[in-house]
Amino acid sequence: MATKTFDKDTILDLTVNMVPLAIILFFVVAFAVVNPFGFESLASGLQFSLLIAPFVLLAVLTYLSGKAIAGSEKSDTVYPPGQATVPGVGSLHEEEAKAEAELEESVAADAE
Protein backbone atom coordinates (compact mmCIF):
# COMPACT_ATOMS: atom_id res chain seq x y z
CA MET A 1 0.00 0.00 0.00
CA ALA A 2 1.02 3.63 -0.13
CA THR A 3 3.54 5.01 2.31
CA LYS A 4 1.88 8.41 2.71
CA THR A 5 -0.80 8.74 5.39
CA PHE A 6 -3.18 10.79 3.29
CA ASP A 7 -2.95 9.26 -0.16
CA LYS A 8 -5.33 9.96 -3.04
CA ASP A 9 -7.97 7.43 -1.93
CA THR A 10 -7.97 8.67 1.67
CA ILE A 11 -8.37 12.27 0.52
CA LEU A 12 -11.26 11.17 -1.68
CA ASP A 13 -12.90 9.49 1.32
CA LEU A 14 -12.48 12.65 3.39
CA THR A 15 -13.95 14.97 0.75
CA VAL A 16 -17.34 14.50 2.38
CA ASN A 17 -15.95 16.42 5.40
CA MET A 18 -13.91 18.94 3.43
CA VAL A 19 -16.93 20.41 1.64
CA PRO A 20 -18.63 21.59 4.89
CA LEU A 21 -15.26 22.89 6.10
CA ALA A 22 -14.98 25.04 2.98
CA ILE A 23 -18.55 26.30 3.40
CA ILE A 24 -17.99 27.25 7.05
CA LEU A 25 -14.70 28.95 6.17
CA PHE A 26 -16.46 30.92 3.43
CA PHE A 27 -19.04 32.25 5.91
CA VAL A 28 -16.39 33.14 8.50
CA VAL A 29 -14.52 35.18 5.90
CA ALA A 30 -17.73 36.67 4.47
CA PHE A 31 -19.00 37.79 7.88
CA ALA A 32 -15.58 39.18 8.80
CA VAL A 33 -15.25 41.19 5.56
CA VAL A 34 -18.82 42.26 4.79
CA ASN A 35 -20.23 42.38 8.35
CA PRO A 36 -23.92 42.69 7.34
CA PHE A 37 -25.26 42.82 10.90
CA GLY A 38 -22.92 45.48 12.25
CA PHE A 39 -20.50 44.83 15.09
CA GLU A 40 -21.61 44.18 18.64
CA SER A 41 -19.18 42.38 20.86
CA LEU A 42 -21.72 39.90 22.26
CA ALA A 43 -23.63 39.20 19.05
CA SER A 44 -20.56 39.07 16.81
CA GLY A 45 -18.65 36.97 19.32
CA LEU A 46 -21.53 34.51 19.52
CA GLN A 47 -21.87 34.49 15.74
CA PHE A 48 -18.19 33.75 15.15
CA SER A 49 -18.02 31.18 17.94
CA LEU A 50 -20.99 29.34 16.39
CA LEU A 51 -19.04 29.18 13.14
CA ILE A 52 -15.50 28.58 14.39
CA ALA A 53 -16.28 25.91 17.01
CA PRO A 54 -17.89 23.48 14.51
CA PHE A 55 -15.08 24.25 12.03
CA VAL A 56 -12.41 23.27 14.53
CA LEU A 57 -14.30 20.19 15.72
CA LEU A 58 -14.97 19.02 12.15
CA ALA A 59 -11.32 19.61 11.19
CA VAL A 60 -10.16 17.46 14.13
CA LEU A 61 -12.73 14.78 13.27
CA THR A 62 -11.60 14.81 9.63
CA TYR A 63 -7.95 14.38 10.62
CA LEU A 64 -8.72 11.52 13.01
CA SER A 65 -10.93 9.86 10.39
CA GLY A 66 -8.12 10.10 7.85
CA LYS A 67 -5.69 8.46 10.27
CA ALA A 68 -8.22 5.68 10.98
CA ILE A 69 -8.91 5.08 7.28
CA ALA A 70 -5.21 4.98 6.40
CA GLY A 71 -4.46 2.72 9.37
CA SER A 72 -7.17 0.24 8.49
CA GLU A 73 -5.97 0.09 4.88
CA LYS A 74 -2.49 -0.85 6.08
CA SER A 75 -3.50 -3.46 8.66
CA ASP A 76 -6.71 -5.03 7.34
CA THR A 77 -7.39 -7.04 4.20
CA VAL A 78 -8.15 -4.67 1.33
CA TYR A 79 -9.91 -5.82 -1.85
CA PRO A 80 -10.35 -3.98 -5.14
CA PRO A 81 -13.52 -1.85 -5.17
CA GLY A 82 -16.62 -4.02 -5.48
CA GLN A 83 -14.63 -7.27 -5.48
CA ALA A 84 -14.75 -8.34 -1.81
CA THR A 85 -17.47 -10.96 -2.35
CA VAL A 86 -16.37 -12.18 -5.79
CA PRO A 87 -14.97 -15.72 -5.57
CA GLY A 88 -11.35 -16.11 -6.65
CA VAL A 89 -10.36 -12.46 -6.24
CA GLY A 90 -7.32 -11.93 -4.03
CA SER A 91 -6.66 -9.00 -1.78
CA LEU A 92 -4.56 -6.07 -2.92
CA HIS A 93 -1.76 -7.18 -0.58
CA GLU A 94 -1.60 -10.56 -2.36
CA GLU A 95 -1.61 -8.89 -5.78
CA GLU A 96 1.23 -6.57 -4.77
CA ALA A 97 3.26 -9.51 -3.42
CA LYS A 98 2.75 -11.43 -6.69
CA ALA A 99 3.78 -8.41 -8.77
CA GLU A 100 6.86 -7.87 -6.62
CA ALA A 101 7.85 -11.56 -6.89
CA GLU A 102 7.46 -11.45 -10.69
CA LEU A 103 9.60 -8.31 -10.84
CA GLU A 104 12.34 -9.94 -8.78
CA GLU A 105 12.25 -13.04 -11.01
CA SER A 106 12.54 -10.94 -14.16
CA VAL A 107 15.45 -8.95 -12.70
CA ALA A 108 17.20 -12.20 -11.74
CA ALA A 109 16.61 -13.64 -15.22
CA ASP A 110 17.98 -10.48 -16.85
CA ALA A 111 21.09 -10.60 -14.65
CA GLU A 112 21.95 -14.11 -15.93
C-alpha atoms as a PDB file:
ATOM      1  CA  MET A   1       0.000   0.000   0.000  1.00  0.00           C
ATOM      2  CA  ALA A   2       1.023   3.630  -0.131  1.00  0.00           C
ATOM      3  CA  THR A   3       3.540   5.012   2.307  1.00  0.00           C
ATOM      4  CA  LYS A   4       1.875   8.413   2.707  1.00  0.00           C
ATOM      5  CA  THR A   5      -0.803   8.741   5.391  1.00  0.00           C
ATOM      6  CA  PHE A   6      -3.182  10.786   3.286  1.00  0.00           C
ATOM      7  CA  ASP A   7      -2.948   9.263  -0.162  1.00  0.00           C
ATOM      8  CA  LYS A   8      -5.329   9.955  -3.043  1.00  0.00           C
ATOM      9  CA  ASP A   9      -7.966   7.432  -1.925  1.00  0.00           C
ATOM     10  CA  THR A  10      -7.972   8.665   1.669  1.00  0.00           C
ATOM     11  CA  ILE A  11      -8.369  12.273   0.522  1.00  0.00           C
ATOM     12  CA  LEU A  12     -11.256  11.167  -1.683  1.00  0.00           C
ATOM     13  CA  ASP A  13     -12.898   9.486   1.324  1.00  0.00           C
ATOM     14  CA  LEU A  14     -12.478  12.650   3.392  1.00  0.00           C
ATOM     15  CA  THR A  15     -13.953  14.972   0.754  1.00  0.00           C
ATOM     16  CA  VAL A  16     -17.343  14.504   2.384  1.00  0.00           C
ATOM     17  CA  ASN A  17     -15.954  16.418   5.400  1.00  0.00           C
ATOM     18  CA  MET A  18     -13.909  18.943   3.430  1.00  0.00           C
ATOM     19  CA  VAL A  19     -16.930  20.413   1.640  1.00  0.00           C
ATOM     20  CA  PRO A  20     -18.627  21.589   4.885  1.00  0.00           C
ATOM     21  CA  LEU A  21     -15.257  22.892   6.102  1.00  0.00           C
ATOM     22  CA  ALA A  22     -14.975  25.042   2.979  1.00  0.00           C
ATOM     23  CA  ILE A  23     -18.552  26.303   3.399  1.00  0.00           C
ATOM     24  CA  ILE A  24     -17.988  27.246   7.055  1.00  0.00           C
ATOM     25  CA  LEU A  25     -14.702  28.949   6.172  1.00  0.00           C
ATOM     26  CA  PHE A  26     -16.455  30.918   3.432  1.00  0.00           C
ATOM     27  CA  PHE A  27     -19.037  32.249   5.906  1.00  0.00           C
ATOM     28  CA  VAL A  28     -16.392  33.140   8.502  1.00  0.00           C
ATOM     29  CA  VAL A  29     -14.520  35.183   5.896  1.00  0.00           C
ATOM     30  CA  ALA A  30     -17.729  36.671   4.474  1.00  0.00           C
ATOM     31  CA  PHE A  31     -18.999  37.789   7.879  1.00  0.00           C
ATOM     32  CA  ALA A  32     -15.576  39.176   8.797  1.00  0.00           C
ATOM     33  CA  VAL A  33     -15.248  41.186   5.563  1.00  0.00           C
ATOM     34  CA  VAL A  34     -18.819  42.264   4.786  1.00  0.00           C
ATOM     35  CA  ASN A  35     -20.225  42.380   8.348  1.00  0.00           C
ATOM     36  CA  PRO A  36     -23.920  42.686   7.343  1.00  0.00           C
ATOM     37  CA  PHE A  37     -25.259  42.815  10.904  1.00  0.00           C
ATOM     38  CA  GLY A  38     -22.924  45.478  12.248  1.00  0.00           C
ATOM     39  CA  PHE A  39     -20.504  44.833  15.086  1.00  0.00           C
ATOM     40  CA  GLU A  40     -21.610  44.177  18.636  1.00  0.00           C
ATOM     41  CA  SER A  41     -19.180  42.380  20.856  1.00  0.00           C
ATOM     42  CA  LEU A  42     -21.721  39.896  22.256  1.00  0.00           C
ATOM     43  CA  ALA A  43     -23.631  39.196  19.048  1.00  0.00           C
ATOM     44  CA  SER A  44     -20.560  39.067  16.814  1.00  0.00           C
ATOM     45  CA  GLY A  45     -18.647  36.966  19.320  1.00  0.00           C
ATOM     46  CA  LEU A  46     -21.526  34.511  19.517  1.00  0.00           C
ATOM     47  CA  GLN A  47     -21.874  34.492  15.736  1.00  0.00           C
ATOM     48  CA  PHE A  48     -18.189  33.749  15.148  1.00  0.00           C
ATOM     49  CA  SER A  49     -18.021  31.178  17.940  1.00  0.00           C
ATOM     50  CA  LEU A  50     -20.986  29.343  16.395  1.00  0.00           C
ATOM     51  CA  LEU A  51     -19.037  29.175  13.136  1.00  0.00           C
ATOM     52  CA  ILE A  52     -15.505  28.583  14.393  1.00  0.00           C
ATOM     53  CA  ALA A  53     -16.275  25.905  17.014  1.00  0.00           C
ATOM     54  CA  PRO A  54     -17.889  23.480  14.507  1.00  0.00           C
ATOM     55  CA  PHE A  55     -15.084  24.253  12.026  1.00  0.00           C
ATOM     56  CA  VAL A  56     -12.406  23.270  14.533  1.00  0.00           C
ATOM     57  CA  LEU A  57     -14.299  20.192  15.717  1.00  0.00           C
ATOM     58  CA  LEU A  58     -14.971  19.024  12.148  1.00  0.00           C
ATOM     59  CA  ALA A  59     -11.318  19.612  11.192  1.00  0.00           C
ATOM     60  CA  VAL A  60     -10.163  17.459  14.130  1.00  0.00           C
ATOM     61  CA  LEU A  61     -12.731  14.785  13.268  1.00  0.00           C
ATOM     62  CA  THR A  62     -11.597  14.806   9.628  1.00  0.00           C
ATOM     63  CA  TYR A  63      -7.953  14.381  10.619  1.00  0.00           C
ATOM     64  CA  LEU A  64      -8.718  11.518  13.006  1.00  0.00           C
ATOM     65  CA  SER A  65     -10.931   9.859  10.386  1.00  0.00           C
ATOM     66  CA  GLY A  66      -8.116  10.101   7.852  1.00  0.00           C
ATOM     67  CA  LYS A  67      -5.686   8.462  10.268  1.00  0.00           C
ATOM     68  CA  ALA A  68      -8.218   5.680  10.977  1.00  0.00           C
ATOM     69  CA  ILE A  69      -8.908   5.082   7.276  1.00  0.00           C
ATOM     70  CA  ALA A  70      -5.215   4.976   6.397  1.00  0.00           C
ATOM     71  CA  GLY A  71      -4.457   2.718   9.370  1.00  0.00           C
ATOM     72  CA  SER A  72      -7.168   0.235   8.489  1.00  0.00           C
ATOM     73  CA  GLU A  73      -5.969   0.086   4.877  1.00  0.00           C
ATOM     74  CA  LYS A  74      -2.491  -0.852   6.077  1.00  0.00           C
ATOM     75  CA  SER A  75      -3.497  -3.457   8.663  1.00  0.00           C
ATOM     76  CA  ASP A  76      -6.713  -5.030   7.341  1.00  0.00           C
ATOM     77  CA  THR A  77      -7.389  -7.040   4.202  1.00  0.00           C
ATOM     78  CA  VAL A  78      -8.151  -4.668   1.325  1.00  0.00           C
ATOM     79  CA  TYR A  79      -9.910  -5.823  -1.853  1.00  0.00           C
ATOM     80  CA  PRO A  80     -10.350  -3.976  -5.137  1.00  0.00           C
ATOM     81  CA  PRO A  81     -13.519  -1.846  -5.171  1.00  0.00           C
ATOM     82  CA  GLY A  82     -16.622  -4.018  -5.479  1.00  0.00           C
ATOM     83  CA  GLN A  83     -14.628  -7.271  -5.478  1.00  0.00           C
ATOM     84  CA  ALA A  84     -14.752  -8.342  -1.815  1.00  0.00           C
ATOM     85  CA  THR A  85     -17.466 -10.963  -2.346  1.00  0.00           C
ATOM     86  CA  VAL A  86     -16.371 -12.180  -5.789  1.00  0.00           C
ATOM     87  CA  PRO A  87     -14.972 -15.717  -5.573  1.00  0.00           C
ATOM     88  CA  GLY A  88     -11.355 -16.110  -6.645  1.00  0.00           C
ATOM     89  CA  VAL A  89     -10.362 -12.456  -6.240  1.00  0.00           C
ATOM     90  CA  GLY A  90      -7.316 -11.927  -4.029  1.00  0.00           C
ATOM     91  CA  SER A  91      -6.655  -8.999  -1.781  1.00  0.00           C
ATOM     92  CA  LEU A  92      -4.557  -6.069  -2.925  1.00  0.00           C
ATOM     93  CA  HIS A  93      -1.758  -7.182  -0.581  1.00  0.00           C
ATOM     94  CA  GLU A  94      -1.597 -10.558  -2.360  1.00  0.00           C
ATOM     95  CA  GLU A  95      -1.615  -8.891  -5.776  1.00  0.00           C
ATOM     96  CA  GLU A  96       1.233  -6.570  -4.771  1.00  0.00           C
ATOM     97  CA  ALA A  97       3.257  -9.509  -3.420  1.00  0.00           C
ATOM     98  CA  LYS A  98       2.748 -11.428  -6.692  1.00  0.00           C
ATOM     99  CA  ALA A  99       3.784  -8.415  -8.772  1.00  0.00           C
ATOM    100  CA  GLU A 100       6.861  -7.874  -6.618  1.00  0.00           C
ATOM    101  CA  ALA A 101       7.852 -11.558  -6.894  1.00  0.00           C
ATOM    102  CA  GLU A 102       7.460 -11.453 -10.688  1.00  0.00           C
ATOM    103  CA  LEU A 103       9.596  -8.310 -10.840  1.00  0.00           C
ATOM    104  CA  GLU A 104      12.340  -9.938  -8.779  1.00  0.00           C
ATOM    105  CA  GLU A 105      12.246 -13.035 -11.013  1.00  0.00           C
ATOM    106  CA  SER A 106      12.537 -10.935 -14.163  1.00  0.00           C
ATOM    107  CA  VAL A 107      15.447  -8.948 -12.703  1.00  0.00           C
ATOM    108  CA  ALA A 108      17.197 -12.204 -11.737  1.00  0.00           C
ATOM    109  CA  ALA A 109      16.606 -13.640 -15.222  1.00  0.00           C
ATOM    110  CA  ASP A 110      17.982 -10.484 -16.853  1.00  0.00           C
ATOM    111  CA  ALA A 111      21.091 -10.605 -14.646  1.00  0.00           C
ATOM    112  CA  GLU A 112      21.951 -14.115 -15.929  1.00  0.00           C
END
